[in-house]
Amino acid sequence: MEHDRPDPTINIHGKTHRILRLQLSAYRHTDPAVKHQRALTIDFILKLYFHQATPVDVCLGPLAILAFFFAMRSCEYLTITGERRTKLLRVQDLRFFQDRTDITHDHTTNHLADIICITFRDQKNGEKDEAITLSRTSDPIMCPVRQGACIVNKILNIPGTNTSSAINTYMSGTQTYTLKAETAIKRVRTLATTLGRDHLGYDPLDIGLHSIRSAAAMAMILSGVPNYMVMLIGRWKSDAFLIYIRKQVAEFTKTVSQKMITTTTFFHPPDNTPAFTSRSTMAGRDAHATAHLT
């Protein structure tokens, strides 16, 4: 209630009035379909990494790989406009462990760590100080530990930086900057334009910075990672991550058709529920039903 008057949209049962529900439902039917951003492939992310023509490119490549492994939201690793609840990660939020020993402060060996642990201080889902841990991979490039150490060491080698510096800090000439989201998306779409629709299967405008988070969900599902693990790593509090899974991706249903023909017949146990019939009385009313077993 506001101004001592009841909410006109709510009925006496505390629910939305029927007329208003119908109107809102009609709006939803006329709304266009939600267009979700396409998931990037690992091949695309690698091309982004190896394209290091400018300081911006050198900064974006490792960030994109780290963001991929941790299914990051763009505001967690890039500077955005406007206020967001999610906090931009800092150097101090990345920790490295080798044989269960914290080697974070040893910048000469942190790239050799067994695991990297990132603490997300505040998030869209409301969770604070949520720590996610991933292990190193055998790949020299696609590895969260290697790229995380690369990001940290590069930043701390810039004059005037410290562990409170944002992970998207880079140096161009003699000036220090933080990589902005609008700059990053231009780089991503420029690469998509260069590769072309025939190669990618979609237009550059179909992808965005959320495409990296989408790529993480797709990669985990295609590799057989259980749904609950996808939710834990991506910090989803529900199965909302399923909207990132593209049904049109050929690899997603690669073995489904073959599995569908493995069982050519199956048995339906007969229903043991009695079949009921009814008889009419002289008054024209149905009497009690009589059961007849088949």
C-alpha atoms as a PDB file:
ATOM      1  CA  MET A   1       0.000   0.000   0.000  1.00  0.00           C
ATOM      2  CA  GLU A   2       1.100   3.533  -0.754  1.00  0.00           C
ATOM      3  CA  HIS A   3      -0.463   6.789   0.456  1.00  0.00           C
ATOM      4  CA  ASP A   4      -2.849   4.594   2.514  1.00  0.00           C
ATOM      5  CA  ARG A   5      -4.471   3.246  -0.637  1.00  0.00           C
ATOM      6  CA  PRO A   6      -4.480  -0.359  -1.905  1.00  0.00           C
ATOM      7  CA  ASP A   7      -2.490  -1.340  -4.961  1.00  0.00           C
ATOM      8  CA  PRO A   8      -4.964  -1.125  -7.900  1.00  0.00           C
ATOM      9  CA  THR A   9      -3.136  -3.883  -9.788  1.00  0.00           C
ATOM     10  CA  ILE A  10      -3.761  -6.457  -7.042  1.00  0.00           C
ATOM     11  CA  ASN A  11      -7.078  -8.177  -6.346  1.00  0.00           C
ATOM     12  CA  ILE A  12      -8.493  -9.131  -2.948  1.00  0.00           C
ATOM     13  CA  HIS A  13      -6.543 -12.403  -3.060  1.00  0.00           C
ATOM     14  CA  GLY A  14      -3.219 -10.581  -3.404  1.00  0.00           C
ATOM     15  CA  LYS A  15      -2.726 -11.570  -7.044  1.00  0.00           C
ATOM     16  CA  THR A  16      -2.522  -9.504 -10.217  1.00  0.00           C
ATOM     17  CA  HIS A  17      -5.955  -8.622 -11.588  1.00  0.00           C
ATOM     18  CA  ARG A  18      -7.125 -10.910 -14.369  1.00  0.00           C
ATOM     19  CA  ILE A  19      -7.593  -8.092 -16.900  1.00  0.00           C
ATOM     20  CA  LEU A  20      -4.065  -6.849 -16.264  1.00  0.00           C
ATOM     21  CA  ARG A  21      -2.670 -10.385 -16.595  1.00  0.00           C
ATOM     22  CA  LEU A  22      -4.404 -10.788 -19.942  1.00  0.00           C
ATOM     23  CA  GLN A  23      -3.078  -7.447 -21.162  1.00  0.00           C
ATOM     24  CA  LEU A  24       0.502  -8.264 -20.132  1.00  0.00           C
ATOM     25  CA  SER A  25       0.180 -11.675 -21.771  1.00  0.00           C
ATOM     26  CA  ALA A  26      -0.951 -10.009 -25.002  1.00  0.00           C
ATOM     27  CA  TYR A  27       2.110  -7.757 -24.895  1.00  0.00           C
ATOM     28  CA  ARG A  28       4.386 -10.784 -24.539  1.00  0.00           C
ATOM     29  CA  HIS A  29       2.774 -12.460 -27.543  1.00  0.00           C
ATOM     30  CA  THR A  30       3.406  -9.414 -29.726  1.00  0.00           C
ATOM     31  CA  ASP A  31       6.977  -8.890 -28.539  1.00  0.00           C
ATOM     32  CA  PRO A  32       9.700 -10.108 -30.905  1.00  0.00           C
ATOM     33  CA  ALA A  33      11.742 -13.144 -29.894  1.00  0.00           C
ATOM     34  CA  VAL A  34      14.670 -12.463 -27.593  1.00  0.00           C
ATOM     35  CA  LYS A  35      17.891 -12.483 -29.587  1.00  0.00           C
ATOM     36  CA  HIS A  36      20.692 -14.011 -27.556  1.00  0.00           C
ATOM     37  CA  GLN A  37      24.321 -13.466 -28.483  1.00  0.00           C
ATOM     38  CA  ARG A  38      26.050 -16.300 -30.302  1.00  0.00           C
ATOM     39  CA  ALA A  39      28.639 -18.369 -28.499  1.00  0.00           C
ATOM     40  CA  LEU A  40      32.217 -17.901 -29.626  1.00  0.00           C
ATOM     41  CA  THR A  41      34.371 -20.913 -30.387  1.00  0.00           C
ATOM     42  CA  ILE A  42      37.789 -21.645 -28.911  1.00  0.00           C
ATOM     43  CA  ASP A  43      39.178 -21.261 -32.423  1.00  0.00           C
ATOM     44  CA  PHE A  44      37.795 -17.707 -32.555  1.00  0.00           C
ATOM     45  CA  ILE A  45      39.194 -16.850 -29.113  1.00  0.00           C
ATOM     46  CA  LEU A  46      42.624 -18.111 -30.172  1.00  0.00           C
ATOM     47  CA  LYS A  47      42.533 -15.940 -33.298  1.00  0.00           C
ATOM     48  CA  LEU A  48      41.680 -13.001 -31.060  1.00  0.00           C
ATOM     49  CA  TYR A  49      44.640 -13.868 -28.833  1.00  0.00           C
ATOM     50  CA  PHE A  50      47.184 -14.150 -31.653  1.00  0.00           C
ATOM     51  CA  HIS A  51      46.100 -10.864 -33.231  1.00  0.00           C
ATOM     52  CA  GLN A  52      48.433  -8.596 -31.230  1.00  0.00           C
ATOM     53  CA  ALA A  53      48.814  -5.540 -33.446  1.00  0.00           C
ATOM     54  CA  THR A  54      48.274  -2.936 -30.716  1.00  0.00           C
ATOM     55  CA  PRO A  55      48.564  -2.665 -26.904  1.00  0.00           C
ATOM     56  CA  VAL A  56      44.776  -3.042 -26.785  1.00  0.00           C
ATOM     57  CA  ASP A  57      45.022  -6.390 -28.590  1.00  0.00           C
ATOM     58  CA  VAL A  58      47.806  -7.566 -26.277  1.00  0.00           C
ATOM     59  CA  CYS A  59      45.607  -6.746 -23.290  1.00  0.00           C
ATOM     60  CA  LEU A  60      42.403  -8.253 -24.704  1.00  0.00           C
ATOM     61  CA  GLY A  61      43.798 -11.655 -25.740  1.00  0.00           C
ATOM     62  CA  PRO A  62      44.710 -13.019 -22.283  1.00  0.00           C
ATOM     63  CA  LEU A  63      41.623 -11.397 -20.748  1.00  0.00           C
ATOM     64  CA  ALA A  64      39.353 -13.161 -23.246  1.00  0.00           C
ATOM     65  CA  ILE A  65      40.903 -16.545 -22.449  1.00  0.00           C
ATOM     66  CA  LEU A  66      40.683 -16.040 -18.685  1.00  0.00           C
ATOM     67  CA  ALA A  67      37.107 -14.784 -19.046  1.00  0.00           C
ATOM     68  CA  PHE A  68      36.285 -17.879 -21.109  1.00  0.00           C
ATOM     69  CA  PHE A  69      37.501 -20.350 -18.493  1.00  0.00           C
ATOM     70  CA  PHE A  70      35.673 -18.599 -15.648  1.00  0.00           C
ATOM     71  CA  ALA A  71      32.547 -17.770 -17.704  1.00  0.00           C
ATOM     72  CA  MET A  72      32.934 -14.130 -16.716  1.00  0.00           C
ATOM     73  CA  ARG A  73      30.433 -11.376 -17.246  1.00  0.00           C
ATOM     74  CA  SER A  74      31.932  -8.542 -19.305  1.00  0.00           C
ATOM     75  CA  CYS A  75      31.740  -6.137 -16.355  1.00  0.00           C
ATOM     76  CA  GLU A  76      34.021  -8.452 -14.369  1.00  0.00           C
ATOM     77  CA  TYR A  77      37.020  -7.942 -16.658  1.00  0.00           C
ATOM     78  CA  LEU A  78      36.264  -4.769 -18.646  1.00  0.00           C
ATOM     79  CA  THR A  79      35.448  -1.166 -17.785  1.00  0.00           C
ATOM     80  CA  ILE A  80      31.804  -0.414 -18.516  1.00  0.00           C
ATOM     81  CA  THR A  81      29.658   2.703 -18.420  1.00  0.00           C
ATOM     82  CA  GLY A  82      27.051   3.107 -15.725  1.00  0.00           C
ATOM     83  CA  GLU A  83      26.695   1.563 -12.300  1.00  0.00           C
ATOM     84  CA  ARG A  84      26.716  -2.209 -11.911  1.00  0.00           C
ATOM     85  CA  ARG A  85      26.477  -4.378  -8.850  1.00  0.00           C
ATOM     86  CA  THR A  86      29.151  -6.685 -10.214  1.00  0.00           C
ATOM     87  CA  LYS A  87      32.669  -5.602  -9.282  1.00  0.00           C
ATOM     88  CA  LEU A  88      35.558  -5.378 -11.714  1.00  0.00           C
ATOM     89  CA  LEU A  89      38.261  -7.865 -10.750  1.00  0.00           C
ATOM     90  CA  ARG A  90      41.542  -6.621  -9.276  1.00  0.00           C
ATOM     91  CA  VAL A  91      44.995  -8.171  -9.345  1.00  0.00           C
ATOM     92  CA  GLN A  92      44.589  -9.101  -5.690  1.00  0.00           C
ATOM     93  CA  ASP A  93      41.545 -11.220  -6.560  1.00  0.00           C
ATOM     94  CA  LEU A  94      43.752 -13.718  -8.439  1.00  0.00           C
ATOM     95  CA  ARG A  95      45.718 -16.243  -6.391  1.00  0.00           C
ATOM     96  CA  PHE A  96      48.039 -19.050  -7.472  1.00  0.00           C
ATOM     97  CA  PHE A  97      48.835 -22.321  -5.684  1.00  0.00           C
ATOM     98  CA  GLN A  98      51.470 -24.973  -6.302  1.00  0.00           C
ATOM     99  CA  ASP A  99      51.386 -28.173  -4.261  1.00  0.00           C
ATOM    100  CA  ARG A 100      48.801 -26.438  -2.041  1.00  0.00           C
ATOM    101  CA  THR A 101      51.245 -23.631  -1.308  1.00  0.00           C
ATOM    102  CA  ASP A 102      50.261 -20.052  -2.086  1.00  0.00           C
ATOM    103  CA  ILE A 103      52.826 -18.705  -4.580  1.00  0.00           C
ATOM    104  CA  THR A 104      50.787 -15.651  -5.607  1.00  0.00           C
ATOM    105  CA  HIS A 105      53.492 -13.162  -4.633  1.00  0.00           C
ATOM    106  CA  ASP A 106      56.279 -15.011  -6.445  1.00  0.00           C
ATOM    107  CA  HIS A 107      55.810 -13.434  -9.858  1.00  0.00           C
ATOM    108  CA  THR A 108      58.692 -15.437 -11.326  1.00  0.00           C
ATOM    109  CA  THR A 109      56.979 -18.782 -10.784  1.00  0.00           C
ATOM    110  CA  ASN A 110      53.230 -18.135 -10.474  1.00  0.00           C
ATOM    111  CA  HIS A 111      52.771 -19.254 -14.090  1.00  0.00           C
ATOM    112  CA  LEU A 112      53.883 -22.730 -12.937  1.00  0.00           C
ATOM    113  CA  ALA A 113      51.064 -23.012 -10.396  1.00  0.00           C
ATOM    114  CA  ASP A 114      48.786 -26.047 -10.310  1.00  0.00           C
ATOM    115  CA  ILE A 115      45.633 -24.013  -9.811  1.00  0.00           C
ATOM    116  CA  ILE A 116      44.327 -20.471 -10.015  1.00  0.00           C
ATOM    117  CA  CYS A 117      41.678 -19.203  -7.636  1.00  0.00           C
ATOM    118  CA  ILE A 118      39.650 -16.088  -8.436  1.00  0.00           C
ATOM    119  CA  THR A 119      37.491 -14.370  -5.821  1.00  0.00           C
ATOM    120  CA  PHE A 120      34.470 -12.509  -7.189  1.00  0.00           C
ATOM    121  CA  ARG A 121      33.831  -9.787  -4.606  1.00  0.00           C
ATOM    122  CA  ASP A 122      30.302  -8.842  -5.612  1.00  0.00           C
ATOM    123  CA  GLN A 123      28.089 -10.215  -8.352  1.00  0.00           C
ATOM    124  CA  LYS A 124      24.822  -9.845 -10.147  1.00  0.00           C
ATOM    125  CA  ASN A 125      23.490 -12.947  -8.367  1.00  0.00           C
ATOM    126  CA  GLY A 126      24.027 -11.314  -4.972  1.00  0.00           C
ATOM    127  CA  GLU A 127      26.834 -13.625  -3.845  1.00  0.00           C
ATOM    128  CA  LYS A 128      29.824 -11.907  -2.273  1.00  0.00           C
ATOM    129  CA  ASP A 129      33.426 -13.137  -2.079  1.00  0.00           C
ATOM    130  CA  GLU A 130      32.687 -16.266  -4.118  1.00  0.00           C
ATOM    131  CA  ALA A 131      35.920 -18.126  -4.923  1.00  0.00           C
ATOM    132  CA  ILE A 132      36.184 -20.304  -8.038  1.00  0.00           C
ATOM    133  CA  THR A 133      39.192 -22.558  -8.604  1.00  0.00           C
ATOM    134  CA  LEU A 134      40.423 -24.072 -11.858  1.00  0.00           C
ATOM    135  CA  SER A 135      43.430 -26.246 -12.660  1.00  0.00           C
ATOM    136  CA  ARG A 136      46.090 -25.634 -15.288  1.00  0.00           C
ATOM    137  CA  THR A 137      45.766 -27.339 -18.660  1.00  0.00           C
ATOM    138  CA  SER A 138      48.391 -28.972 -20.859  1.00  0.00           C
ATOM    139  CA  ASP A 139      47.863 -26.336 -23.554  1.00  0.00           C
ATOM    140  CA  PRO A 140      50.468 -23.541 -23.631  1.00  0.00           C
ATOM    141  CA  ILE A 141      47.862 -20.909 -24.576  1.00  0.00           C
ATOM    142  CA  MET A 142      44.409 -22.110 -23.529  1.00  0.00           C
ATOM    143  CA  CYS A 143      45.241 -22.336 -19.851  1.00  0.00           C
ATOM    144  CA  PRO A 144      43.645 -20.271 -17.051  1.00  0.00           C
ATOM    145  CA  VAL A 145      46.771 -20.463 -14.888  1.00  0.00           C
ATOM    146  CA  ARG A 146      49.183 -19.275 -17.602  1.00  0.00           C
ATOM    147  CA  GLN A 147      46.952 -16.465 -18.794  1.00  0.00           C
ATOM    148  CA  GLY A 148      46.066 -15.351 -15.281  1.00  0.00           C
ATOM    149  CA  ALA A 149      49.768 -15.163 -14.360  1.00  0.00           C
ATOM    150  CA  CYS A 150      50.499 -13.322 -17.615  1.00  0.00           C
ATOM    151  CA  ILE A 151      47.863 -10.697 -16.827  1.00  0.00           C
ATOM    152  CA  VAL A 152      49.064 -10.186 -13.251  1.00  0.00           C
ATOM    153  CA  ASN A 153      52.757  -9.947 -14.123  1.00  0.00           C
ATOM    154  CA  LYS A 154      52.207  -7.536 -17.012  1.00  0.00           C
ATOM    155  CA  ILE A 155      50.158  -5.195 -14.861  1.00  0.00           C
ATOM    156  CA  LEU A 156      52.587  -5.197 -11.939  1.00  0.00           C
ATOM    157  CA  ASN A 157      55.428  -4.324 -14.332  1.00  0.00           C
ATOM    158  CA  ILE A 158      53.635  -1.096 -15.266  1.00  0.00           C
ATOM    159  CA  PRO A 159      54.907   1.881 -13.210  1.00  0.00           C
ATOM    160  CA  GLY A 160      52.446   3.056 -10.592  1.00  0.00           C
ATOM    161  CA  THR A 161      50.374  -0.140 -10.458  1.00  0.00           C
ATOM    162  CA  ASN A 162      49.805  -2.432  -7.494  1.00  0.00           C
ATOM    163  CA  THR A 163      47.601  -5.342  -6.430  1.00  0.00           C
ATOM    164  CA  SER A 164      44.595  -3.004  -6.288  1.00  0.00           C
ATOM    165  CA  SER A 165      44.884  -2.302 -10.020  1.00  0.00           C
ATOM    166  CA  ALA A 166      42.113  -3.625 -12.276  1.00  0.00           C
ATOM    167  CA  ILE A 167      42.910  -6.717 -14.358  1.00  0.00           C
ATOM    168  CA  ASN A 168      42.158  -4.788 -17.573  1.00  0.00           C
ATOM    169  CA  THR A 169      45.000  -2.311 -16.996  1.00  0.00           C
ATOM    170  CA  TYR A 170      47.449  -1.841 -19.872  1.00  0.00           C
ATOM    171  CA  MET A 171      50.075   0.615 -21.006  1.00  0.00           C
ATOM    172  CA  SER A 172      50.201   2.393 -24.361  1.00  0.00           C
ATOM    173  CA  GLY A 173      53.195   4.619 -24.883  1.00  0.00           C
ATOM    174  CA  THR A 174      53.775   6.318 -21.555  1.00  0.00           C
ATOM    175  CA  GLN A 175      50.125   6.327 -20.489  1.00  0.00           C
ATOM    176  CA  THR A 176      48.207   3.751 -18.448  1.00  0.00           C
ATOM    177  CA  TYR A 177      44.635   2.835 -19.393  1.00  0.00           C
ATOM    178  CA  THR A 178      41.925   0.340 -18.543  1.00  0.00           C
ATOM    179  CA  LEU A 179      40.371  -1.572 -21.431  1.00  0.00           C
ATOM    180  CA  LYS A 180      36.797  -0.451 -22.077  1.00  0.00           C
ATOM    181  CA  ALA A 181      33.945  -2.716 -23.078  1.00  0.00           C
ATOM    182  CA  GLU A 182      33.107  -0.703 -26.207  1.00  0.00           C
ATOM    183  CA  THR A 183      36.720  -0.977 -27.393  1.00  0.00           C
ATOM    184  CA  ALA A 184      36.765  -4.726 -26.789  1.00  0.00           C
ATOM    185  CA  ILE A 185      33.523  -5.373 -28.674  1.00  0.00           C
ATOM    186  CA  LYS A 186      34.832  -3.441 -31.674  1.00  0.00           C
ATOM    187  CA  ARG A 187      37.902  -5.693 -31.753  1.00  0.00           C
ATOM    188  CA  VAL A 188      35.768  -8.832 -31.507  1.00  0.00           C
ATOM    189  CA  ARG A 189      33.402  -7.771 -34.293  1.00  0.00           C
ATOM    190  CA  THR A 190      36.250  -6.592 -36.510  1.00  0.00           C
ATOM    191  CA  LEU A 191      37.750 -10.072 -36.322  1.00  0.00           C
ATOM    192  CA  ALA A 192      34.342 -11.607 -37.062  1.00  0.00           C
ATOM    193  CA  THR A 193      34.033  -9.368 -40.132  1.00  0.00           C
ATOM    194  CA  THR A 194      37.477 -10.437 -41.322  1.00  0.00           C
ATOM    195  CA  LEU A 195      36.637 -14.126 -40.927  1.00  0.00           C
ATOM    196  CA  GLY A 196      33.307 -13.658 -42.694  1.00  0.00           C
ATOM    197  CA  ARG A 197      29.816 -15.090 -42.360  1.00  0.00           C
ATOM    198  CA  ASP A 198      30.617 -18.127 -44.490  1.00  0.00           C
ATOM    199  CA  HIS A 199      33.306 -19.164 -42.021  1.00  0.00           C
ATOM    200  CA  LEU A 200      31.440 -18.328 -38.825  1.00  0.00           C
ATOM    201  CA  GLY A 201      27.850 -19.031 -39.820  1.00  0.00           C
ATOM    202  CA  TYR A 202      26.596 -15.739 -38.380  1.00  0.00           C
ATOM    203  CA  ASP A 203      26.963 -11.980 -38.756  1.00  0.00           C
ATOM    204  CA  PRO A 204      29.365  -9.893 -36.623  1.00  0.00           C
ATOM    205  CA  LEU A 205      26.405  -8.145 -34.977  1.00  0.00           C
ATOM    206  CA  ASP A 206      25.183 -11.515 -33.694  1.00  0.00           C
ATOM    207  CA  ILE A 207      28.042 -11.646 -31.195  1.00  0.00           C
ATOM    208  CA  GLY A 208      28.939  -9.473 -28.241  1.00  0.00           C
ATOM    209  CA  LEU A 209      30.942  -9.536 -25.058  1.00  0.00           C
ATOM    210  CA  HIS A 210      28.427 -11.934 -23.516  1.00  0.00           C
ATOM    211  CA  SER A 211      29.433 -14.370 -26.265  1.00  0.00           C
ATOM    212  CA  ILE A 212      32.491 -15.349 -24.212  1.00  0.00           C
ATOM    213  CA  ARG A 213      30.324 -16.334 -21.247  1.00  0.00           C
ATOM    214  CA  SER A 214      28.092 -18.171 -23.674  1.00  0.00           C
ATOM    215  CA  ALA A 215      31.175 -19.889 -25.128  1.00  0.00           C
ATOM    216  CA  ALA A 216      32.127 -21.185 -21.686  1.00  0.00           C
ATOM    217  CA  ALA A 217      28.716 -22.769 -21.125  1.00  0.00           C
ATOM    218  CA  MET A 218      28.732 -24.303 -24.600  1.00  0.00           C
ATOM    219  CA  ALA A 219      32.272 -25.685 -24.228  1.00  0.00           C
ATOM    220  CA  MET A 220      31.470 -27.326 -20.898  1.00  0.00           C
ATOM    221  CA  ILE A 221      28.240 -28.896 -22.126  1.00  0.00           C
ATOM    222  CA  LEU A 222      29.824 -30.203 -25.352  1.00  0.00           C
ATOM    223  CA  SER A 223      32.615 -31.801 -23.335  1.00  0.00           C
ATOM    224  CA  GLY A 224      30.174 -33.586 -21.032  1.00  0.00           C
ATOM    225  CA  VAL A 225      30.568 -31.430 -17.914  1.00  0.00           C
ATOM    226  CA  PRO A 226      27.508 -32.011 -15.645  1.00  0.00           C
ATOM    227  CA  ASN A 227      24.976 -29.223 -15.411  1.00  0.00           C
ATOM    228  CA  TYR A 228      25.628 -28.641 -11.719  1.00  0.00           C
ATOM    229  CA  MET A 229      29.330 -28.089 -12.441  1.00  0.00           C
ATOM    230  CA  VAL A 230      28.496 -25.586 -15.191  1.00  0.00           C
ATOM    231  CA  MET A 231      26.336 -23.718 -12.695  1.00  0.00           C
ATOM    232  CA  LEU A 232      29.099 -23.701 -10.068  1.00  0.00           C
ATOM    233  CA  ILE A 233      31.857 -22.484 -12.377  1.00  0.00           C
ATOM    234  CA  GLY A 234      29.675 -19.941 -14.172  1.00  0.00           C
ATOM    235  CA  ARG A 235      28.057 -18.873 -10.887  1.00  0.00           C
ATOM    236  CA  TRP A 236      24.550 -19.439 -12.176  1.00  0.00           C
ATOM    237  CA  LYS A 237      21.978 -19.913  -9.430  1.00  0.00           C
ATOM    238  CA  SER A 238      19.581 -21.788 -11.700  1.00  0.00           C
ATOM    239  CA  ASP A 239      19.522 -23.584 -15.032  1.00  0.00           C
ATOM    240  CA  ALA A 240      19.373 -20.161 -16.737  1.00  0.00           C
ATOM    241  CA  PHE A 241      22.675 -21.012 -18.415  1.00  0.00           C
ATOM    242  CA  LEU A 242      20.714 -23.293 -20.763  1.00  0.00           C
ATOM    243  CA  ILE A 243      19.737 -20.218 -22.786  1.00  0.00           C
ATOM    244  CA  TYR A 244      23.390 -20.073 -23.856  1.00  0.00           C
ATOM    245  CA  ILE A 245      23.283 -23.565 -25.334  1.00  0.00           C
ATOM    246  CA  ARG A 246      22.654 -23.214 -29.046  1.00  0.00           C
ATOM    247  CA  LYS A 247      20.412 -25.965 -30.371  1.00  0.00           C
ATOM    248  CA  GLN A 248      21.501 -25.125 -33.902  1.00  0.00           C
ATOM    249  CA  VAL A 249      25.132 -26.011 -33.172  1.00  0.00           C
ATOM    250  CA  ALA A 250      25.785 -29.267 -35.029  1.00  0.00           C
ATOM    251  CA  GLU A 251      28.116 -30.671 -32.376  1.00  0.00           C
ATOM    252  CA  PHE A 252      25.496 -30.272 -29.654  1.00  0.00           C
ATOM    253  CA  THR A 253      23.334 -33.028 -31.157  1.00  0.00           C
ATOM    254  CA  LYS A 254      26.156 -34.907 -32.880  1.00  0.00           C
ATOM    255  CA  THR A 255      25.424 -38.346 -31.380  1.00  0.00           C
ATOM    256  CA  VAL A 256      21.727 -37.951 -30.604  1.00  0.00           C
ATOM    257  CA  SER A 257      20.388 -39.374 -33.884  1.00  0.00           C
ATOM    258  CA  GLN A 258      22.634 -42.453 -33.578  1.00  0.00           C
ATOM    259  CA  LYS A 259      21.568 -43.019 -29.978  1.00  0.00           C
ATOM    260  CA  MET A 260      17.906 -42.727 -30.994  1.00  0.00           C
ATOM    261  CA  ILE A 261      18.099 -45.884 -33.149  1.00  0.00           C
ATOM    262  CA  THR A 262      19.946 -48.101 -30.666  1.00  0.00           C
ATOM    263  CA  THR A 263      16.695 -49.379 -29.135  1.00  0.00           C
ATOM    264  CA  THR A 264      14.437 -50.487 -31.970  1.00  0.00           C
ATOM    265  CA  THR A 265      11.543 -51.777 -29.865  1.00  0.00           C
ATOM    266  CA  PHE A 266      10.285 -51.662 -26.325  1.00  0.00           C
ATOM    267  CA  PHE A 267       7.533 -53.256 -24.238  1.00  0.00           C
ATOM    268  CA  HIS A 268       4.471 -51.535 -22.837  1.00  0.00           C
ATOM    269  CA  PRO A 269       3.106 -53.467 -19.822  1.00  0.00           C
ATOM    270  CA  PRO A 270      -0.683 -53.810 -20.150  1.00  0.00           C
ATOM    271  CA  ASP A 271      -2.764 -51.492 -18.025  1.00  0.00           C
ATOM    272  CA  ASN A 272      -4.346 -53.419 -15.138  1.00  0.00           C
ATOM    273  CA  THR A 273      -6.859 -50.652 -14.407  1.00  0.00           C
ATOM    274  CA  PRO A 274     -10.383 -52.068 -14.793  1.00  0.00           C
ATOM    275  CA  ALA A 275     -12.382 -50.781 -17.742  1.00  0.00           C
ATOM    276  CA  PHE A 276     -15.585 -49.275 -16.411  1.00  0.00           C
ATOM    277  CA  THR A 277     -18.926 -49.148 -18.181  1.00  0.00           C
ATOM    278  CA  SER A 278     -22.083 -47.514 -16.987  1.00  0.00           C
ATOM    279  CA  ARG A 279     -25.744 -48.492 -17.268  1.00  0.00           C
ATOM    280  CA  SER A 280     -28.701 -46.152 -17.357  1.00  0.00           C
ATOM    281  CA  THR A 281     -31.646 -46.336 -14.993  1.00  0.00           C
ATOM    282  CA  MET A 282     -35.231 -45.935 -16.040  1.00  0.00           C
ATOM    283  CA  ALA A 283     -35.048 -42.351 -14.846  1.00  0.00           C
ATOM    284  CA  GLY A 284     -32.350 -41.731 -17.425  1.00  0.00           C
ATOM    285  CA  ARG A 285     -29.620 -41.230 -14.815  1.00  0.00           C
ATOM    286  CA  ASP A 286     -26.366 -43.192 -14.799  1.00  0.00           C
ATOM    287  CA  ALA A 287     -26.212 -45.816 -12.106  1.00  0.00           C
ATOM    288  CA  HIS A 288     -23.053 -47.005 -10.393  1.00  0.00           C
ATOM    289  CA  ALA A 289     -20.406 -48.131 -12.884  1.00  0.00           C
ATOM    290  CA  THR A 290     -19.818 -51.845 -13.281  1.00  0.00           C
ATOM    291  CA  ALA A 291     -16.261 -53.098 -13.721  1.00  0.00           C
ATOM    292  CA  HIS A 292     -15.503 -55.592 -16.482  1.00  0.00           C
ATOM    293  CA  LEU A 293     -12.055 -57.133 -16.535  1.00  0.00           C
ATOM    294  CA  THR A 294     -10.645 -57.837 -19.974  1.00  0.00           C
END
